[in-house]
Amino acid sequence: MKITLVRHAQPEWVKDGFSVDNPPLTDLGHKQSELLGAWCKDQRFDEVLVSPLVRTQQTAAPMLKTLNRMLEIEPWLEEIRNPVWHGTPEEKAAEAWRAEKSKNSVDRWSGIDGGEKVISFVDRINVGASLFLEERGVVRSNTDLPVWETTSAFNDDASILLIAHAGTNSVTICHLLGLPPTPWEWERLVIGHASVSVVETLQLGDGITFGLNQLSGVEHLPPALRTY
């Protein structure tokens, strides 16, 4: 089983000096998404699942057109929920993120005041990823090692595309690899806009595990269009 995780293209978090919640893509972001659409010409996917947010749906549009597929929303792929900053000066959000990064490590689990707690976000993604895999015949074994059992629903040749976010993709990757979570997964795994990460199953004697084949691949983007 191959799981490809694409991060959305560059979003317009700030417009005319004010924060934008659930933002659309920038002009550069649309160029990045068109290049993702071209990249898809050489790809095969049995399923394409997209986060419910605007920036991911706009990123997905050229890819879905190339693949001749309809939009299919997967709610658990939604990014961590920020406080409501829409219409406030951009400095307010910037200061909140600076304060968050200055906290002691264990205190970062609480997240930014008014937003989703990081510990709740990690739990939400881990549960969502586990249910997603269970529906496709992959269930975590009762062992300390990151070993998974397969059921009759498992298709070893399946190729699945998830179009989501730096946070959801990084937490999902760490969950599949069996890495203990941290409150800064999207800084531990630095994933660029419109980048491609790939995780594939590996056969073991008592089940399967997951290997990371590619992280934040941006070869389909010219250097001038690579952003983070």
C-alpha atoms as a PDB file:
ATOM      1  CA  MET A   1       0.000   0.000   0.000  1.00  0.00           C
ATOM      2  CA  LYS A   2       1.293   3.412  -1.007  1.00  0.00           C
ATOM      3  CA  ILE A   3       0.045   6.583   0.714  1.00  0.00           C
ATOM      4  CA  THR A   4       1.003   9.881  -0.917  1.00  0.00           C
ATOM      5  CA  LEU A   5       0.536  13.012   1.173  1.00  0.00           C
ATOM      6  CA  VAL A   6       0.452  16.362  -0.622  1.00  0.00           C
ATOM      7  CA  ARG A   7       0.493  19.640   1.258  1.00  0.00           C
ATOM      8  CA  HIS A   8      -1.673  22.465  -0.066  1.00  0.00           C
ATOM      9  CA  ALA A   9      -0.085  25.244  -2.123  1.00  0.00           C
ATOM     10  CA  GLN A  10       0.757  28.688  -0.694  1.00  0.00           C
ATOM     11  CA  PRO A  11      -2.286  30.273   1.027  1.00  0.00           C
ATOM     12  CA  GLU A  12      -3.119  33.950   1.460  1.00  0.00           C
ATOM     13  CA  TRP A  13      -3.052  34.154   5.255  1.00  0.00           C
ATOM     14  CA  VAL A  14      -2.858  37.958   5.171  1.00  0.00           C
ATOM     15  CA  LYS A  15      -4.679  40.380   2.848  1.00  0.00           C
ATOM     16  CA  ASP A  16      -4.161  44.147   3.070  1.00  0.00           C
ATOM     17  CA  GLY A  17      -2.533  43.751   6.483  1.00  0.00           C
ATOM     18  CA  PHE A  18      -5.369  41.715   8.042  1.00  0.00           C
ATOM     19  CA  SER A  19      -5.564  38.003   8.868  1.00  0.00           C
ATOM     20  CA  VAL A  20      -7.699  35.676   6.765  1.00  0.00           C
ATOM     21  CA  ASP A  21      -9.248  32.545   8.264  1.00  0.00           C
ATOM     22  CA  ASN A  22      -9.636  29.501   5.992  1.00  0.00           C
ATOM     23  CA  PRO A  23      -7.739  31.396   3.272  1.00  0.00           C
ATOM     24  CA  PRO A  24      -7.695  30.805  -0.483  1.00  0.00           C
ATOM     25  CA  LEU A  25      -4.457  30.355  -2.422  1.00  0.00           C
ATOM     26  CA  THR A  26      -2.195  33.192  -3.478  1.00  0.00           C
ATOM     27  CA  ASP A  27      -1.445  33.744  -7.170  1.00  0.00           C
ATOM     28  CA  LEU A  28       1.821  31.866  -6.596  1.00  0.00           C
ATOM     29  CA  GLY A  29      -0.128  29.122  -4.849  1.00  0.00           C
ATOM     30  CA  HIS A  30      -2.342  28.674  -7.901  1.00  0.00           C
ATOM     31  CA  LYS A  31       0.787  28.277 -10.041  1.00  0.00           C
ATOM     32  CA  GLN A  32       2.039  25.631  -7.634  1.00  0.00           C
ATOM     33  CA  SER A  33      -1.285  23.796  -7.802  1.00  0.00           C
ATOM     34  CA  GLU A  34      -1.224  23.799 -11.614  1.00  0.00           C
ATOM     35  CA  LEU A  35       2.210  22.170 -11.489  1.00  0.00           C
ATOM     36  CA  LEU A  36       0.808  19.538  -9.138  1.00  0.00           C
ATOM     37  CA  GLY A  37      -1.869  18.904 -11.747  1.00  0.00           C
ATOM     38  CA  ALA A  38       0.834  18.333 -14.357  1.00  0.00           C
ATOM     39  CA  TRP A  39       2.722  16.063 -11.925  1.00  0.00           C
ATOM     40  CA  CYS A  40      -0.394  13.885 -11.629  1.00  0.00           C
ATOM     41  CA  LYS A  41      -0.211  12.909 -15.303  1.00  0.00           C
ATOM     42  CA  ASP A  42       2.376  10.258 -14.446  1.00  0.00           C
ATOM     43  CA  GLN A  43       0.649   9.039 -11.264  1.00  0.00           C
ATOM     44  CA  ARG A  44      -1.937   6.369 -10.465  1.00  0.00           C
ATOM     45  CA  PHE A  45      -4.270   6.696  -7.496  1.00  0.00           C
ATOM     46  CA  ASP A  46      -7.148   4.444  -6.479  1.00  0.00           C
ATOM     47  CA  GLU A  47      -8.461   7.054  -4.048  1.00  0.00           C
ATOM     48  CA  VAL A  48      -8.014  10.820  -3.710  1.00  0.00           C
ATOM     49  CA  LEU A  49      -9.118  12.340  -0.400  1.00  0.00           C
ATOM     50  CA  VAL A  50      -9.053  16.049   0.389  1.00  0.00           C
ATOM     51  CA  SER A  51      -9.190  18.156   3.562  1.00  0.00           C
ATOM     52  CA  PRO A  52     -12.383  20.250   3.881  1.00  0.00           C
ATOM     53  CA  LEU A  53     -10.540  23.607   3.924  1.00  0.00           C
ATOM     54  CA  VAL A  54     -10.498  26.050   0.983  1.00  0.00           C
ATOM     55  CA  ARG A  55      -6.740  25.995   0.369  1.00  0.00           C
ATOM     56  CA  THR A  56      -6.678  22.218  -0.009  1.00  0.00           C
ATOM     57  CA  GLN A  57      -9.705  22.124  -2.274  1.00  0.00           C
ATOM     58  CA  GLN A  58      -8.173  24.771  -4.538  1.00  0.00           C
ATOM     59  CA  THR A  59      -4.887  22.852  -4.544  1.00  0.00           C
ATOM     60  CA  ALA A  60      -6.725  19.648  -5.405  1.00  0.00           C
ATOM     61  CA  ALA A  61      -8.726  21.095  -8.306  1.00  0.00           C
ATOM     62  CA  PRO A  62      -6.032  20.811 -11.047  1.00  0.00           C
ATOM     63  CA  MET A  63      -5.046  17.371  -9.743  1.00  0.00           C
ATOM     64  CA  LEU A  64      -8.613  16.105  -9.809  1.00  0.00           C
ATOM     65  CA  LYS A  65      -9.036  17.476 -13.332  1.00  0.00           C
ATOM     66  CA  THR A  66      -5.941  15.619 -14.522  1.00  0.00           C
ATOM     67  CA  LEU A  67      -7.016  12.420 -12.785  1.00  0.00           C
ATOM     68  CA  ASN A  68     -10.635  12.824 -13.954  1.00  0.00           C
ATOM     69  CA  ARG A  69     -11.969  12.394 -10.424  1.00  0.00           C
ATOM     70  CA  MET A  70     -14.642  14.096  -8.331  1.00  0.00           C
ATOM     71  CA  LEU A  71     -13.833  15.956  -5.107  1.00  0.00           C
ATOM     72  CA  GLU A  72     -14.071  13.649  -2.072  1.00  0.00           C
ATOM     73  CA  ILE A  73     -13.761  15.359   1.314  1.00  0.00           C
ATOM     74  CA  GLU A  74     -12.142  13.525   4.237  1.00  0.00           C
ATOM     75  CA  PRO A  75     -13.025  15.539   7.411  1.00  0.00           C
ATOM     76  CA  TRP A  76     -10.255  14.182   9.673  1.00  0.00           C
ATOM     77  CA  LEU A  77      -7.609  15.747   7.402  1.00  0.00           C
ATOM     78  CA  GLU A  78      -8.535  19.253   8.599  1.00  0.00           C
ATOM     79  CA  GLU A  79      -5.573  21.246   9.963  1.00  0.00           C
ATOM     80  CA  ILE A  80      -5.244  22.321  13.620  1.00  0.00           C
ATOM     81  CA  ARG A  81      -7.938  24.907  14.352  1.00  0.00           C
ATOM     82  CA  ASN A  82      -6.491  28.346  15.041  1.00  0.00           C
ATOM     83  CA  PRO A  83      -8.207  31.040  17.104  1.00  0.00           C
ATOM     84  CA  VAL A  84     -10.583  33.280  15.160  1.00  0.00           C
ATOM     85  CA  TRP A  85      -8.243  35.961  13.813  1.00  0.00           C
ATOM     86  CA  HIS A  86     -10.185  36.874  10.669  1.00  0.00           C
ATOM     87  CA  GLY A  87     -10.173  40.633  10.062  1.00  0.00           C
ATOM     88  CA  THR A  88      -7.687  41.390  12.850  1.00  0.00           C
ATOM     89  CA  PRO A  89      -4.286  43.022  12.197  1.00  0.00           C
ATOM     90  CA  GLU A  90      -1.719  40.448  11.075  1.00  0.00           C
ATOM     91  CA  GLU A  91       0.490  41.351  14.051  1.00  0.00           C
ATOM     92  CA  LYS A  92      -1.992  39.726  16.438  1.00  0.00           C
ATOM     93  CA  ALA A  93      -1.536  36.254  14.912  1.00  0.00           C
ATOM     94  CA  ALA A  94       2.226  36.751  14.514  1.00  0.00           C
ATOM     95  CA  GLU A  95       2.601  37.643  18.185  1.00  0.00           C
ATOM     96  CA  ALA A  96       0.523  34.617  19.238  1.00  0.00           C
ATOM     97  CA  TRP A  97       2.809  32.293  17.244  1.00  0.00           C
ATOM     98  CA  ARG A  98       5.928  33.936  18.700  1.00  0.00           C
ATOM     99  CA  ALA A  99       4.576  33.426  22.205  1.00  0.00           C
ATOM    100  CA  GLU A 100       3.711  29.795  21.405  1.00  0.00           C
ATOM    101  CA  LYS A 101       7.242  29.027  20.231  1.00  0.00           C
ATOM    102  CA  SER A 102       8.765  30.582  23.347  1.00  0.00           C
ATOM    103  CA  LYS A 103       6.926  28.221  25.735  1.00  0.00           C
ATOM    104  CA  ASN A 104       8.651  25.388  27.539  1.00  0.00           C
ATOM    105  CA  SER A 105       8.364  22.180  25.537  1.00  0.00           C
ATOM    106  CA  VAL A 106       5.716  20.432  27.658  1.00  0.00           C
ATOM    107  CA  ASP A 107       3.587  23.594  27.803  1.00  0.00           C
ATOM    108  CA  ARG A 108       3.218  23.601  24.023  1.00  0.00           C
ATOM    109  CA  TRP A 109       0.683  20.769  24.273  1.00  0.00           C
ATOM    110  CA  SER A 110      -1.880  23.388  25.330  1.00  0.00           C
ATOM    111  CA  GLY A 111      -1.542  25.284  22.032  1.00  0.00           C
ATOM    112  CA  ILE A 112      -2.542  28.884  21.395  1.00  0.00           C
ATOM    113  CA  ASP A 113      -5.258  30.403  23.605  1.00  0.00           C
ATOM    114  CA  GLY A 114      -8.594  30.200  21.834  1.00  0.00           C
ATOM    115  CA  GLY A 115      -7.437  27.538  19.367  1.00  0.00           C
ATOM    116  CA  GLU A 116      -7.453  23.749  19.314  1.00  0.00           C
ATOM    117  CA  LYS A 117      -5.095  22.243  21.871  1.00  0.00           C
ATOM    118  CA  VAL A 118      -2.149  20.537  20.190  1.00  0.00           C
ATOM    119  CA  ILE A 119      -2.706  17.368  22.236  1.00  0.00           C
ATOM    120  CA  SER A 120      -6.340  17.304  21.031  1.00  0.00           C
ATOM    121  CA  PHE A 121      -5.238  17.870  17.441  1.00  0.00           C
ATOM    122  CA  VAL A 122      -2.689  15.034  17.568  1.00  0.00           C
ATOM    123  CA  ASP A 123      -5.296  12.708  19.102  1.00  0.00           C
ATOM    124  CA  ARG A 124      -7.821  13.719  16.408  1.00  0.00           C
ATOM    125  CA  ILE A 125      -5.425  12.969  13.570  1.00  0.00           C
ATOM    126  CA  ASN A 126      -4.182   9.715  15.113  1.00  0.00           C
ATOM    127  CA  VAL A 127      -7.739   8.461  15.581  1.00  0.00           C
ATOM    128  CA  GLY A 128      -8.696   9.594  12.080  1.00  0.00           C
ATOM    129  CA  ALA A 129      -5.659   7.924  10.520  1.00  0.00           C
ATOM    130  CA  SER A 130      -6.299   4.697  12.452  1.00  0.00           C
ATOM    131  CA  LEU A 131      -9.945   4.545  11.338  1.00  0.00           C
ATOM    132  CA  PHE A 132      -8.903   5.400   7.768  1.00  0.00           C
ATOM    133  CA  LEU A 133      -6.469   2.451   7.784  1.00  0.00           C
ATOM    134  CA  GLU A 134      -8.915   0.107   9.504  1.00  0.00           C
ATOM    135  CA  GLU A 135     -11.453   0.712   6.726  1.00  0.00           C
ATOM    136  CA  ARG A 136      -8.740  -0.402   4.294  1.00  0.00           C
ATOM    137  CA  GLY A 137      -7.753  -3.534   6.179  1.00  0.00           C
ATOM    138  CA  VAL A 138      -4.874  -2.282   8.342  1.00  0.00           C
ATOM    139  CA  VAL A 139      -5.099  -2.581  12.146  1.00  0.00           C
ATOM    140  CA  ARG A 140      -2.403  -1.822  14.736  1.00  0.00           C
ATOM    141  CA  SER A 141      -0.975  -4.926  16.415  1.00  0.00           C
ATOM    142  CA  ASN A 142      -0.861  -5.258  20.193  1.00  0.00           C
ATOM    143  CA  THR A 143       2.879  -4.619  20.444  1.00  0.00           C
ATOM    144  CA  ASP A 144       5.207  -1.776  21.358  1.00  0.00           C
ATOM    145  CA  LEU A 145       6.712  -1.871  17.882  1.00  0.00           C
ATOM    146  CA  PRO A 146       4.969  -0.105  14.944  1.00  0.00           C
ATOM    147  CA  VAL A 147       3.574  -3.327  13.508  1.00  0.00           C
ATOM    148  CA  TRP A 148       0.195  -3.519  11.793  1.00  0.00           C
ATOM    149  CA  GLU A 149      -1.996  -6.530  10.996  1.00  0.00           C
ATOM    150  CA  THR A 150      -3.960  -6.844   7.773  1.00  0.00           C
ATOM    151  CA  THR A 151      -7.477  -8.117   7.183  1.00  0.00           C
ATOM    152  CA  SER A 152      -9.215  -9.388   4.053  1.00  0.00           C
ATOM    153  CA  ALA A 153      -9.970  -5.777   3.082  1.00  0.00           C
ATOM    154  CA  PHE A 154      -6.249  -4.973   2.662  1.00  0.00           C
ATOM    155  CA  ASN A 155      -5.001  -4.313  -0.860  1.00  0.00           C
ATOM    156  CA  ASP A 156      -1.217  -4.366  -1.010  1.00  0.00           C
ATOM    157  CA  ASP A 157      -1.307  -2.663  -4.428  1.00  0.00           C
ATOM    158  CA  ALA A 158      -3.554   0.216  -3.338  1.00  0.00           C
ATOM    159  CA  SER A 159      -2.332   3.754  -4.044  1.00  0.00           C
ATOM    160  CA  ILE A 160      -4.021   6.531  -2.045  1.00  0.00           C
ATOM    161  CA  LEU A 161      -3.560  10.298  -2.315  1.00  0.00           C
ATOM    162  CA  LEU A 162      -4.254  12.563   0.683  1.00  0.00           C
ATOM    163  CA  ILE A 163      -4.272  16.319   0.029  1.00  0.00           C
ATOM    164  CA  ALA A 164      -4.014  18.146   3.327  1.00  0.00           C
ATOM    165  CA  HIS A 165      -1.708  20.300   5.475  1.00  0.00           C
ATOM    166  CA  ALA A 166       1.726  20.484   7.069  1.00  0.00           C
ATOM    167  CA  GLY A 167       0.265  19.622  10.469  1.00  0.00           C
ATOM    168  CA  THR A 168      -2.061  16.802   9.461  1.00  0.00           C
ATOM    169  CA  ASN A 169       0.472  15.278   7.091  1.00  0.00           C
ATOM    170  CA  SER A 170       3.339  15.394   9.597  1.00  0.00           C
ATOM    171  CA  VAL A 171       1.245  13.947  12.425  1.00  0.00           C
ATOM    172  CA  THR A 172      -0.067  11.221  10.115  1.00  0.00           C
ATOM    173  CA  ILE A 173       3.442  10.304   8.954  1.00  0.00           C
ATOM    174  CA  CYS A 174       4.741  10.105  12.522  1.00  0.00           C
ATOM    175  CA  HIS A 175       1.730   7.988  13.531  1.00  0.00           C
ATOM    176  CA  LEU A 176       2.308   5.530  10.689  1.00  0.00           C
ATOM    177  CA  LEU A 177       6.024   5.296  11.485  1.00  0.00           C
ATOM    178  CA  GLY A 178       5.338   4.757  15.187  1.00  0.00           C
ATOM    179  CA  LEU A 179       7.187   7.888  16.321  1.00  0.00           C
ATOM    180  CA  PRO A 180       6.148   9.299  19.722  1.00  0.00           C
ATOM    181  CA  PRO A 181       4.284  12.575  19.094  1.00  0.00           C
ATOM    182  CA  THR A 182       5.610  16.020  19.965  1.00  0.00           C
ATOM    183  CA  PRO A 183       3.754  19.368  20.163  1.00  0.00           C
ATOM    184  CA  TRP A 184       5.690  20.602  17.112  1.00  0.00           C
ATOM    185  CA  GLU A 185       5.273  17.881  14.480  1.00  0.00           C
ATOM    186  CA  TRP A 186       5.088  20.404  11.603  1.00  0.00           C
ATOM    187  CA  GLU A 187       8.454  21.795  12.715  1.00  0.00           C
ATOM    188  CA  ARG A 188      10.020  18.370  13.275  1.00  0.00           C
ATOM    189  CA  LEU A 189       9.033  17.367   9.715  1.00  0.00           C
ATOM    190  CA  VAL A 190       9.412  20.479   7.562  1.00  0.00           C
ATOM    191  CA  ILE A 191       6.980  20.121   4.653  1.00  0.00           C
ATOM    192  CA  GLY A 192       6.879  22.705   1.870  1.00  0.00           C
ATOM    193  CA  HIS A 193       3.853  24.080   0.044  1.00  0.00           C
ATOM    194  CA  ALA A 194       2.627  21.818  -2.793  1.00  0.00           C
ATOM    195  CA  SER A 195       5.189  19.182  -1.761  1.00  0.00           C
ATOM    196  CA  VAL A 196       4.851  15.418  -2.001  1.00  0.00           C
ATOM    197  CA  SER A 197       5.589  12.896   0.758  1.00  0.00           C
ATOM    198  CA  VAL A 198       5.274   9.134   0.319  1.00  0.00           C
ATOM    199  CA  VAL A 199       4.808   6.332   2.856  1.00  0.00           C
ATOM    200  CA  GLU A 200       4.645   2.674   1.814  1.00  0.00           C
ATOM    201  CA  THR A 201       3.989  -0.591   3.607  1.00  0.00           C
ATOM    202  CA  LEU A 202       6.799  -3.069   4.233  1.00  0.00           C
ATOM    203  CA  GLN A 203       6.155  -6.777   4.771  1.00  0.00           C
ATOM    204  CA  LEU A 204       7.239  -8.346   8.073  1.00  0.00           C
ATOM    205  CA  GLY A 205       7.003 -11.930   9.248  1.00  0.00           C
ATOM    206  CA  ASP A 206       4.148 -11.037  11.609  1.00  0.00           C
ATOM    207  CA  GLY A 207       2.443  -8.203   9.728  1.00  0.00           C
ATOM    208  CA  ILE A 208       3.386  -4.964   8.006  1.00  0.00           C
ATOM    209  CA  THR A 209       5.029  -1.698   8.954  1.00  0.00           C
ATOM    210  CA  PHE A 210       5.410   1.646   7.184  1.00  0.00           C
ATOM    211  CA  GLY A 211       8.511   3.195   5.634  1.00  0.00           C
ATOM    212  CA  LEU A 212       8.996   6.821   4.611  1.00  0.00           C
ATOM    213  CA  ASN A 213      10.147   6.855   0.979  1.00  0.00           C
ATOM    214  CA  GLN A 214       9.981  10.604   0.400  1.00  0.00           C
ATOM    215  CA  LEU A 215       9.505  13.696   2.549  1.00  0.00           C
ATOM    216  CA  SER A 216       8.522  17.084   1.113  1.00  0.00           C
ATOM    217  CA  GLY A 217       9.508  16.339  -2.478  1.00  0.00           C
ATOM    218  CA  VAL A 218       9.416  19.505  -4.597  1.00  0.00           C
ATOM    219  CA  GLU A 219      11.154  18.387  -7.784  1.00  0.00           C
ATOM    220  CA  HIS A 220       7.998  19.220  -9.769  1.00  0.00           C
ATOM    221  CA  LEU A 221       8.348  22.888  -8.735  1.00  0.00           C
ATOM    222  CA  PRO A 222      11.019  25.228 -10.154  1.00  0.00           C
ATOM    223  CA  PRO A 223      13.206  26.770  -7.421  1.00  0.00           C
ATOM    224  CA  ALA A 224      11.507  30.171  -7.742  1.00  0.00           C
ATOM    225  CA  LEU A 225       8.134  28.598  -6.844  1.00  0.00           C
ATOM    226  CA  ARG A 226       9.255  26.668  -3.738  1.00  0.00           C
ATOM    227  CA  THR A 227       7.816  28.106  -0.513  1.00  0.00           C
ATOM    228  CA  TYR A 228       7.275  26.937   3.082  1.00  0.00           C
END
